[in-house]
Amino acid sequence: MMVKIRIKWWVAVILAGKLMSTGSMVYAEYLDRIVAVVEDDVILDSELYREVAAITEKLKASKTMMPPAYVVRRQVLERLIIDKLQRLVAEKSGIRVTDEMLRGSVTDIARQNGMNLQQFRAELEKQGMSYDSFVESVRNEIIINQLRGREIGSRIKVTDREIDHYLETQGQAGADKIKYRLGHILIAVPEGASATKIQKARAKAEAIIKDLRAGADFKRRAISVSAGGQALKGGDLGWRTIGQIPTLFVDYVKDLRAGDVSEPIRSPSGFHIIKLLEAKGLSDDVHIITQTRARHILIKTDELTNDAEAKRRLLDIKERIANGESFETLAKSNSDDTVTALKGGDLGWVEPRALVPPFEKAMKALAINEISEPVQTQFGWHIIQVLDRKEKDNSEEFKRNQIKEEIRKRKIEEETELWLRRLRDEAYVEIHMDAM
């Protein structure tokens, strides 16, 4: 089909097909077009179309009432702009994903779905998904996660005092035994906005709250108007304990009953609206772990000792132990682990996940006093002997670690929201309204 259009020079670069000039008009066989310029990059209509189709399919599958098509298209475009900005920052920061790292991540995803890589690829294609597009989406996700880790995660610290304060204020009276499922809508306000713009945003939030309390569909409204990260999921933040809820929302959530909608909640990002979708209690947390007392002998590989030689030496040592020689004595004279060699290879009592995965997997498979076959880790080759096992109630320590992780995640979420809004506000973005 031939389409008569007036285009800028940089649009012509994107259009494929014959270009013909007649006076001031340019004619092109239309195949694609730019819908947004983001810094020195662009978003094409084909990118937007694919993403809109995927999101629409997910919304229909979840039986969410669909807002008008132009609203979904606008929201998806905004998400693509945010993703593009993050990738541009990552590129300038030198963040790269190697093919090996990417292949490993896709293989892990396939394994989590009970398939090998070939089966997973076939299943994607069976569902009408492009394998190459899926791999590229995984690459982008890894890049963005690494970027956020560097820009935000590395700066987040959680102190013992914060954990103690949480236990004193929010961990009482079984508060940590309740989970909340929240809906969220954000009416964004740019940094440095005028009083008029702030008041306009507040009025918009209050009007939305009035509609929601009158029975308007929360998911549909979130998809239509929210600037929050979960907008295209209907604003659903999922199930969270009180420690996982953004600090700003905690006092409001405690006063809500299922179905209630909050008043507008002001933050540097704008005005938030939350709805308590559901709440449920949790069972008491008693956390029992198995501690293992083990010892090992390590042979490192180098220019003189390759893998085969390291394994041969360990098998020889294992045979000498079977013939009556002391594990402790042989560890002192042979182990390359200088810290434990002095103690006869003794690692002491170790808790789950304290050791590298290949070592821990081999150790867990051993009976008491049994000695393993040679096991390879990033440190070299080992033989392992389990001396004893015991169970320990570490509920208190486990709870503190959980709280620490919850506080950390909450801080990251809050900082990420601010960082993304700032990134968007400060960027050069030109949206072609005729494309919407």
Protein backbone atom coordinates (compact mmCIF):
# COMPACT_ATOMS: atom_id res chain seq x y z
CA MET A 1 0.00 0.00 0.00
CA MET A 2 1.32 3.47 -0.88
CA VAL A 3 0.80 6.08 1.83
CA LYS A 4 1.21 9.81 1.24
CA ILE A 5 3.07 11.32 4.20
CA ARG A 6 5.24 14.28 5.09
CA ILE A 7 8.33 13.09 6.97
CA LYS A 8 11.47 14.43 8.59
CA TRP A 9 14.90 13.24 7.40
CA TRP A 10 15.39 10.95 10.38
CA VAL A 11 12.03 9.27 9.80
CA ALA A 12 13.06 8.51 6.24
CA VAL A 13 15.98 6.51 7.59
CA ILE A 14 13.50 4.16 9.28
CA LEU A 15 11.13 3.74 6.37
CA ALA A 16 11.95 0.90 4.03
CA GLY A 17 11.01 0.68 0.38
CA LYS A 18 11.18 3.18 -2.49
CA LEU A 19 11.40 6.90 -1.74
CA MET A 20 10.19 9.32 -4.42
CA SER A 21 10.14 13.11 -4.31
CA THR A 22 7.59 15.41 -5.97
CA GLY A 23 8.04 19.04 -4.98
CA SER A 24 7.91 19.24 -1.18
CA MET A 25 6.18 15.88 -0.73
CA VAL A 26 7.89 12.58 -0.13
CA TYR A 27 6.24 9.27 -0.91
CA ALA A 28 7.27 5.98 0.67
CA GLU A 29 6.12 2.43 0.81
CA TYR A 30 5.13 2.49 4.48
CA LEU A 31 6.54 -0.33 6.59
CA ASP A 32 7.29 1.26 9.96
CA ARG A 33 7.41 4.63 11.68
CA ILE A 34 8.80 6.34 14.74
CA VAL A 35 6.37 6.85 17.61
CA ALA A 36 8.85 8.40 20.06
CA VAL A 37 12.34 9.85 20.13
CA VAL A 38 14.15 9.02 23.38
CA GLU A 39 17.42 10.94 23.78
CA ASP A 40 19.40 9.85 20.69
CA ASP A 41 17.37 6.67 20.11
CA VAL A 42 13.88 5.90 18.83
CA ILE A 43 10.91 3.63 19.51
CA LEU A 44 9.23 2.19 16.42
CA ASP A 45 5.58 1.53 15.86
CA SER A 46 6.40 -2.17 15.33
CA GLU A 47 7.99 -2.37 18.82
CA LEU A 48 4.95 -0.70 20.36
CA TYR A 49 2.55 -2.93 18.42
CA ARG A 50 4.26 -6.14 19.61
CA GLU A 51 4.30 -5.01 23.23
CA VAL A 52 0.68 -3.85 23.16
CA ALA A 53 -0.38 -7.20 21.70
CA ALA A 54 1.48 -9.11 24.44
CA ILE A 55 0.07 -6.95 27.25
CA THR A 56 -3.46 -7.12 25.83
CA GLU A 57 -3.25 -10.91 25.70
CA LYS A 58 -2.18 -11.04 29.37
CA LEU A 59 -4.95 -8.68 30.46
CA LYS A 60 -7.57 -10.72 28.61
CA ALA A 61 -6.22 -13.94 30.14
CA SER A 62 -6.58 -12.41 33.63
CA LYS A 63 -10.16 -11.39 32.75
CA THR A 64 -9.34 -7.72 33.42
CA MET A 65 -11.85 -5.24 32.02
CA MET A 66 -9.98 -3.58 29.17
CA PRO A 67 -9.70 0.22 28.99
CA PRO A 68 -9.84 1.84 25.52
CA ALA A 69 -7.11 0.69 23.13
CA TYR A 70 -5.50 4.14 22.93
CA VAL A 71 -5.09 4.15 26.74
CA VAL A 72 -3.30 0.80 26.75
CA ARG A 73 -1.14 1.98 23.85
CA ARG A 74 -0.19 5.16 25.73
CA GLN A 75 0.68 3.27 28.93
CA VAL A 76 2.74 0.68 27.07
CA LEU A 77 4.62 3.42 25.22
CA GLU A 78 5.46 5.06 28.53
CA ARG A 79 6.87 1.77 29.82
CA LEU A 80 8.92 1.34 26.65
CA ILE A 81 10.31 4.87 27.12
CA ILE A 82 11.38 4.06 30.70
CA ASP A 83 12.98 0.79 29.57
CA LYS A 84 14.77 2.55 26.71
CA LEU A 85 16.15 5.22 29.06
CA GLN A 86 17.47 2.57 31.44
CA ARG A 87 19.17 0.68 28.60
CA LEU A 88 20.76 3.90 27.35
CA VAL A 89 22.15 4.64 30.82
CA ALA A 90 23.38 1.04 31.09
CA GLU A 91 25.11 1.30 27.72
CA LYS A 92 26.87 4.53 28.71
CA SER A 93 27.88 2.88 32.00
CA GLY A 94 29.51 -0.01 30.15
CA ILE A 95 27.09 -2.69 31.37
CA ARG A 96 27.16 -5.69 29.04
CA VAL A 97 25.67 -9.19 29.07
CA THR A 98 27.89 -11.90 27.64
CA ASP A 99 26.43 -14.63 25.45
CA GLU A 100 27.50 -17.18 28.08
CA MET A 101 25.64 -15.32 30.85
CA LEU A 102 22.56 -14.98 28.64
CA ARG A 103 22.60 -18.65 27.64
CA GLY A 104 22.90 -19.65 31.30
CA SER A 105 19.94 -17.47 32.32
CA VAL A 106 17.69 -18.84 29.56
CA THR A 107 18.74 -22.40 30.44
CA ASP A 108 17.83 -21.74 34.09
CA ILE A 109 14.40 -20.45 33.05
CA ALA A 110 13.85 -23.56 30.93
CA ARG A 111 14.92 -25.79 33.85
CA GLN A 112 12.53 -24.01 36.21
CA ASN A 113 9.75 -24.92 33.76
CA GLY A 114 10.84 -28.58 33.73
CA MET A 115 12.35 -28.50 30.24
CA ASN A 116 15.71 -28.49 28.52
CA LEU A 117 16.62 -25.62 26.20
CA GLN A 118 15.39 -27.33 23.02
CA GLN A 119 12.05 -28.26 24.60
CA PHE A 120 11.63 -24.75 25.99
CA ARG A 121 12.30 -23.19 22.59
CA ALA A 122 9.76 -25.49 20.95
CA GLU A 123 7.17 -24.63 23.61
CA LEU A 124 7.68 -20.88 23.06
CA GLU A 125 7.25 -21.27 19.31
CA LYS A 126 4.21 -23.48 19.88
CA GLN A 127 2.64 -20.60 21.83
CA GLY A 128 3.43 -18.20 18.97
CA MET A 129 6.36 -16.50 20.72
CA SER A 130 9.63 -15.75 18.98
CA TYR A 131 12.55 -17.42 20.75
CA ASP A 132 14.92 -14.66 19.66
CA SER A 133 12.55 -12.01 21.05
CA PHE A 134 12.32 -13.90 24.33
CA VAL A 135 16.11 -14.11 24.61
CA GLU A 136 16.39 -10.40 23.89
CA SER A 137 13.84 -9.63 26.61
CA VAL A 138 15.91 -11.70 29.07
CA ARG A 139 19.03 -9.77 28.02
CA ASN A 140 17.25 -6.45 28.65
CA GLU A 141 16.01 -7.64 32.04
CA ILE A 142 19.53 -8.67 33.10
CA ILE A 143 20.95 -5.33 31.94
CA ILE A 144 18.29 -3.34 33.80
CA ASN A 145 18.73 -5.43 36.97
CA GLN A 146 22.49 -4.88 36.87
CA LEU A 147 21.98 -1.15 36.31
CA ARG A 148 19.56 -0.84 39.22
CA GLY A 149 21.87 -2.89 41.40
CA ARG A 150 24.70 -0.47 40.69
CA GLU A 151 22.69 2.75 40.79
CA ILE A 152 20.45 1.84 43.74
CA GLY A 153 21.11 -1.52 45.38
CA SER A 154 24.75 -0.84 46.17
CA ARG A 155 23.75 2.26 48.16
CA ILE A 156 21.10 0.57 50.31
CA LYS A 157 22.17 -0.38 53.82
CA VAL A 158 20.10 -1.86 56.65
CA THR A 159 21.39 -1.42 60.20
CA ASP A 160 20.74 -3.50 63.32
CA ARG A 161 19.07 -0.44 64.78
CA GLU A 162 16.54 -0.38 61.95
CA ILE A 163 15.77 -4.06 62.53
CA ASP A 164 15.34 -3.45 66.28
CA HIS A 165 13.08 -0.47 65.58
CA TYR A 166 10.95 -2.58 63.24
CA LEU A 167 10.57 -5.28 65.91
CA GLU A 168 9.61 -2.67 68.50
CA THR A 169 7.06 -0.85 66.36
CA GLN A 170 5.71 -3.15 63.63
CA GLY A 171 6.66 -6.62 64.83
CA GLN A 172 4.38 -6.57 67.84
CA ALA A 173 0.95 -8.08 68.41
CA GLY A 174 1.28 -10.49 65.51
CA ALA A 175 1.58 -7.75 62.88
CA ASP A 176 4.17 -9.81 61.03
CA LYS A 177 1.68 -12.70 60.86
CA ILE A 178 -0.60 -10.83 58.44
CA LYS A 179 -0.18 -10.49 54.68
CA TYR A 180 -1.82 -7.77 52.63
CA ARG A 181 -2.62 -7.71 48.92
CA LEU A 182 -2.65 -4.12 47.73
CA GLY A 183 -3.75 -2.29 44.62
CA HIS A 184 -1.80 0.88 43.77
CA ILE A 185 -2.32 3.91 41.55
CA LEU A 186 0.20 6.74 41.20
CA ILE A 187 -0.71 10.16 39.85
CA ALA A 188 2.78 11.42 39.04
CA VAL A 189 4.05 14.91 39.83
CA PRO A 190 7.40 16.02 38.32
CA GLU A 191 10.15 17.25 40.63
CA GLY A 192 9.92 21.02 41.08
CA ALA A 193 6.31 21.14 39.89
CA SER A 194 4.40 24.38 40.45
CA ALA A 195 1.70 24.67 43.12
CA THR A 196 -0.90 24.69 40.34
CA LYS A 197 0.32 21.40 38.88
CA ILE A 198 0.45 19.80 42.33
CA GLN A 199 -3.10 20.91 43.11
CA LYS A 200 -4.28 19.63 39.72
CA ALA A 201 -2.71 16.21 40.43
CA ARG A 202 -4.32 16.10 43.90
CA ALA A 203 -7.74 16.95 42.42
CA LYS A 204 -7.28 14.16 39.85
CA ALA A 205 -6.39 11.67 42.62
CA GLU A 206 -9.42 12.72 44.69
CA ALA A 207 -11.73 12.32 41.68
CA ILE A 208 -10.35 8.82 41.04
CA ILE A 209 -10.85 7.87 44.70
CA LYS A 210 -14.46 9.09 44.51
CA ASP A 211 -15.07 6.90 41.43
CA LEU A 212 -13.39 3.88 43.03
CA ARG A 213 -15.46 4.20 46.19
CA ALA A 214 -18.55 4.42 43.98
CA GLY A 215 -17.67 1.04 42.44
CA ALA A 216 -15.31 1.79 39.53
CA ASP A 217 -13.05 -1.12 38.55
CA PHE A 218 -9.67 -0.61 40.25
CA LYS A 219 -7.60 -2.64 37.77
CA ARG A 220 -9.10 -0.88 34.78
CA ARG A 221 -8.53 2.53 36.33
CA ALA A 222 -4.92 1.65 37.27
CA ILE A 223 -4.17 0.56 33.70
CA SER A 224 -5.69 3.81 32.42
CA VAL A 225 -4.14 6.43 34.68
CA SER A 226 -1.41 5.08 36.95
CA ALA A 227 2.23 6.02 36.49
CA GLY A 228 3.27 3.22 38.88
CA GLY A 229 5.48 0.34 37.85
CA GLN A 230 2.63 -2.18 38.13
CA ALA A 231 0.10 -0.14 36.15
CA LEU A 232 -0.12 -2.67 33.32
CA LYS A 233 -0.86 -5.39 35.89
CA GLY A 234 -3.86 -3.45 37.13
CA GLY A 235 -1.79 -1.88 39.92
CA ASP A 236 -1.58 -5.18 41.81
CA LEU A 237 1.41 -5.11 44.21
CA GLY A 238 0.86 -8.73 45.22
CA TRP A 239 0.94 -10.22 48.73
CA ARG A 240 3.18 -8.43 51.23
CA THR A 241 3.82 -8.45 54.96
CA ILE A 242 3.77 -5.12 56.76
CA GLY A 243 7.56 -5.01 56.47
CA GLN A 244 7.41 -5.31 52.68
CA ILE A 245 4.93 -2.47 52.24
CA PRO A 246 6.45 0.93 51.36
CA THR A 247 6.94 2.90 54.59
CA LEU A 248 4.70 5.66 53.29
CA PHE A 249 1.71 3.30 53.11
CA VAL A 250 2.08 1.40 56.40
CA ASP A 251 -0.06 3.61 58.67
CA TYR A 252 -2.81 3.77 56.04
CA VAL A 253 -2.87 0.00 55.43
CA LYS A 254 -3.34 -0.75 59.14
CA ASP A 255 -6.59 1.26 59.11
CA LEU A 256 -8.02 -0.27 55.92
CA ARG A 257 -10.43 -3.19 55.66
CA ALA A 258 -10.67 -5.38 52.57
CA GLY A 259 -12.15 -3.30 49.74
CA ASP A 260 -11.32 0.07 51.31
CA VAL A 261 -9.58 2.79 49.28
CA SER A 262 -7.18 5.23 50.96
CA GLU A 263 -7.08 9.00 50.82
CA PRO A 264 -4.42 10.51 48.49
CA ILE A 265 -0.94 9.82 49.90
CA ARG A 266 1.66 12.45 48.97
CA SER A 267 5.25 11.54 48.15
CA PRO A 268 8.04 13.13 46.06
CA SER A 269 6.74 11.05 43.10
CA GLY A 270 3.18 12.38 43.29
CA PHE A 271 -0.10 11.20 44.84
CA HIS A 272 -0.64 7.51 45.63
CA ILE A 273 -3.94 5.68 45.99
CA ILE A 274 -3.99 2.27 47.62
CA LYS A 275 -6.76 -0.26 47.94
CA LEU A 276 -6.68 -3.22 50.31
CA LEU A 277 -7.73 -6.03 48.01
CA GLU A 278 -7.32 -8.87 50.55
CA ALA A 279 -5.66 -9.71 53.87
CA LYS A 280 -4.80 -13.05 55.44
CA GLY A 281 -3.08 -14.41 58.53
CA LEU A 282 0.06 -16.52 58.51
CA SER A 283 1.03 -19.49 60.63
CA ASP A 284 3.63 -19.06 63.38
CA ASP A 285 7.16 -19.09 62.04
CA VAL A 286 9.24 -21.80 63.67
CA HIS A 287 12.38 -22.24 61.62
CA ILE A 288 14.45 -25.35 62.20
CA ILE A 289 17.73 -25.81 60.32
CA THR A 290 20.15 -28.71 60.10
CA GLN A 291 23.72 -27.87 61.02
CA THR A 292 26.51 -30.10 59.74
CA ARG A 293 29.94 -30.58 61.20
CA ALA A 294 32.32 -31.45 58.36
CA ARG A 295 35.96 -31.46 57.36
CA HIS A 296 37.67 -31.49 54.00
CA ILE A 297 40.95 -31.72 52.13
CA LEU A 298 41.48 -29.29 49.24
CA ILE A 299 43.84 -29.68 46.28
CA LYS A 300 44.09 -26.55 44.14
CA THR A 301 44.81 -26.70 40.42
CA ASP A 302 47.60 -24.67 38.84
CA GLU A 303 50.28 -24.94 36.12
CA LEU A 304 51.72 -28.04 37.78
CA THR A 305 48.50 -29.67 38.99
CA ASN A 306 45.65 -30.13 36.51
CA ASP A 307 42.16 -31.51 37.26
CA ALA A 308 43.16 -35.12 36.61
CA GLU A 309 46.19 -34.87 38.91
CA ALA A 310 44.17 -33.21 41.69
CA LYS A 311 41.55 -35.97 41.54
CA ARG A 312 44.22 -38.68 41.51
CA ARG A 313 45.89 -37.25 44.60
CA LEU A 314 42.59 -37.03 46.48
CA LEU A 315 41.63 -40.61 45.57
CA ASP A 316 45.02 -41.74 46.87
CA ILE A 317 44.45 -39.84 50.13
CA LYS A 318 40.96 -41.33 50.45
CA GLU A 319 42.39 -44.83 50.04
CA ARG A 320 45.03 -44.15 52.72
CA ILE A 321 42.26 -43.04 55.12
CA ALA A 322 40.34 -46.25 54.36
CA ASN A 323 43.49 -48.19 55.23
CA GLY A 324 43.63 -46.61 58.67
CA GLU A 325 45.55 -43.34 58.32
CA SER A 326 44.20 -40.26 60.07
CA PHE A 327 42.06 -37.80 58.07
CA GLU A 328 43.28 -35.05 60.41
CA THR A 329 46.95 -35.84 59.86
CA LEU A 330 46.58 -36.10 56.09
CA ALA A 331 44.65 -32.81 55.95
CA LYS A 332 47.44 -31.03 57.86
CA SER A 333 50.08 -32.32 55.44
CA ASN A 334 48.16 -32.20 52.13
CA SER A 335 45.29 -29.67 52.16
CA ASP A 336 45.75 -26.41 50.25
CA ASP A 337 43.15 -24.74 52.46
CA THR A 338 45.65 -23.06 54.77
CA VAL A 339 42.94 -21.92 57.23
CA THR A 340 41.41 -25.34 57.93
CA ALA A 341 44.52 -27.48 57.32
CA LEU A 342 45.91 -26.49 60.73
CA LYS A 343 42.71 -27.85 62.28
CA GLY A 344 42.83 -31.13 60.38
CA GLY A 345 40.44 -29.81 57.70
CA ASP A 346 37.70 -29.08 60.28
CA LEU A 347 35.08 -26.59 59.00
CA GLY A 348 33.20 -26.57 62.31
CA TRP A 349 29.42 -26.45 62.41
CA VAL A 350 28.07 -25.02 59.16
CA GLU A 351 24.55 -23.86 58.36
CA PRO A 352 22.64 -24.23 55.07
CA ARG A 353 23.89 -22.01 52.23
CA ALA A 354 27.08 -21.12 54.13
CA LEU A 355 29.21 -23.04 51.61
CA VAL A 356 29.38 -22.96 47.80
CA PRO A 357 26.58 -25.00 46.14
CA PRO A 358 28.63 -27.95 44.71
CA PHE A 359 30.33 -28.49 48.07
CA GLU A 360 27.08 -28.25 50.03
CA LYS A 361 25.26 -30.59 47.64
CA ALA A 362 27.95 -33.27 48.03
CA MET A 363 28.08 -32.78 51.81
CA LYS A 364 24.29 -33.14 52.20
CA ALA A 365 24.38 -36.48 50.36
CA LEU A 366 26.89 -38.03 52.79
CA ALA A 367 26.09 -40.21 55.76
CA ILE A 368 27.90 -39.48 59.03
CA ASN A 369 31.59 -40.51 58.79
CA GLU A 370 31.28 -41.18 55.06
CA ILE A 371 33.93 -39.62 52.79
CA SER A 372 32.92 -38.22 49.40
CA GLU A 373 34.40 -38.80 45.99
CA PRO A 374 36.46 -35.82 44.72
CA VAL A 375 34.20 -32.75 44.32
CA GLN A 376 35.07 -29.76 42.15
CA THR A 377 34.32 -26.14 43.14
CA GLN A 378 35.75 -22.81 42.03
CA PHE A 379 38.46 -23.29 44.68
CA GLY A 380 39.75 -26.63 43.36
CA TRP A 381 39.03 -30.28 44.23
CA HIS A 382 37.88 -31.57 47.64
CA ILE A 383 37.13 -34.72 49.53
CA ILE A 384 34.60 -34.18 52.32
CA GLN A 385 33.75 -36.08 55.47
CA VAL A 386 30.62 -35.43 57.58
CA LEU A 387 31.33 -35.87 61.30
CA ASP A 388 27.94 -35.06 62.79
CA ARG A 389 24.58 -33.35 62.25
CA LYS A 390 22.16 -31.60 64.57
CA GLU A 391 18.99 -29.55 64.33
CA LYS A 392 18.85 -25.99 65.58
CA ASP A 393 15.94 -23.62 66.13
CA ASN A 394 17.17 -20.39 64.59
CA SER A 395 13.73 -18.75 64.40
CA GLU A 396 14.97 -15.52 65.97
CA GLU A 397 17.96 -15.19 63.65
CA PHE A 398 15.82 -16.24 60.68
CA LYS A 399 13.21 -13.61 61.57
CA ARG A 400 15.85 -10.87 61.83
CA ASN A 401 17.29 -11.87 58.45
CA GLN A 402 13.81 -11.82 56.93
CA ILE A 403 13.13 -8.38 58.36
CA LYS A 404 16.49 -7.15 57.11
CA GLU A 405 15.66 -8.37 53.61
CA GLU A 406 12.16 -6.87 53.76
CA ILE A 407 13.52 -3.47 54.82
CA ARG A 408 16.15 -3.64 52.09
CA LYS A 409 13.58 -4.52 49.40
CA ARG A 410 11.30 -1.74 50.60
CA LYS A 411 14.11 0.81 50.46
CA ILE A 412 15.12 -0.36 46.97
CA GLU A 413 11.52 -0.13 45.75
CA GLU A 414 11.12 3.40 47.11
CA GLU A 415 14.47 4.57 45.73
CA THR A 416 13.81 2.92 42.35
CA GLU A 417 10.51 4.75 41.95
CA LEU A 418 12.19 8.10 42.63
CA TRP A 419 15.13 7.29 40.37
CA LEU A 420 12.90 6.29 37.45
CA ARG A 421 10.72 9.40 37.78
CA ARG A 422 13.85 11.59 37.84
CA LEU A 423 15.29 9.73 34.86
CA ARG A 424 12.07 10.29 32.90
CA ASP A 425 11.67 13.94 33.91
CA GLU A 426 15.24 14.87 32.97
CA ALA A 427 15.35 13.01 29.63
CA TYR A 428 14.65 14.37 26.17
CA VAL A 429 11.55 12.55 24.96
CA GLU A 430 9.48 13.51 21.92
CA ILE A 431 6.24 11.60 21.42
CA HIS A 432 4.54 11.78 18.01
CA MET A 433 0.92 12.26 18.96
CA ASP A 434 -0.27 11.30 15.46
CA ALA A 435 1.08 7.83 16.24
CA MET A 436 -1.17 7.54 19.27
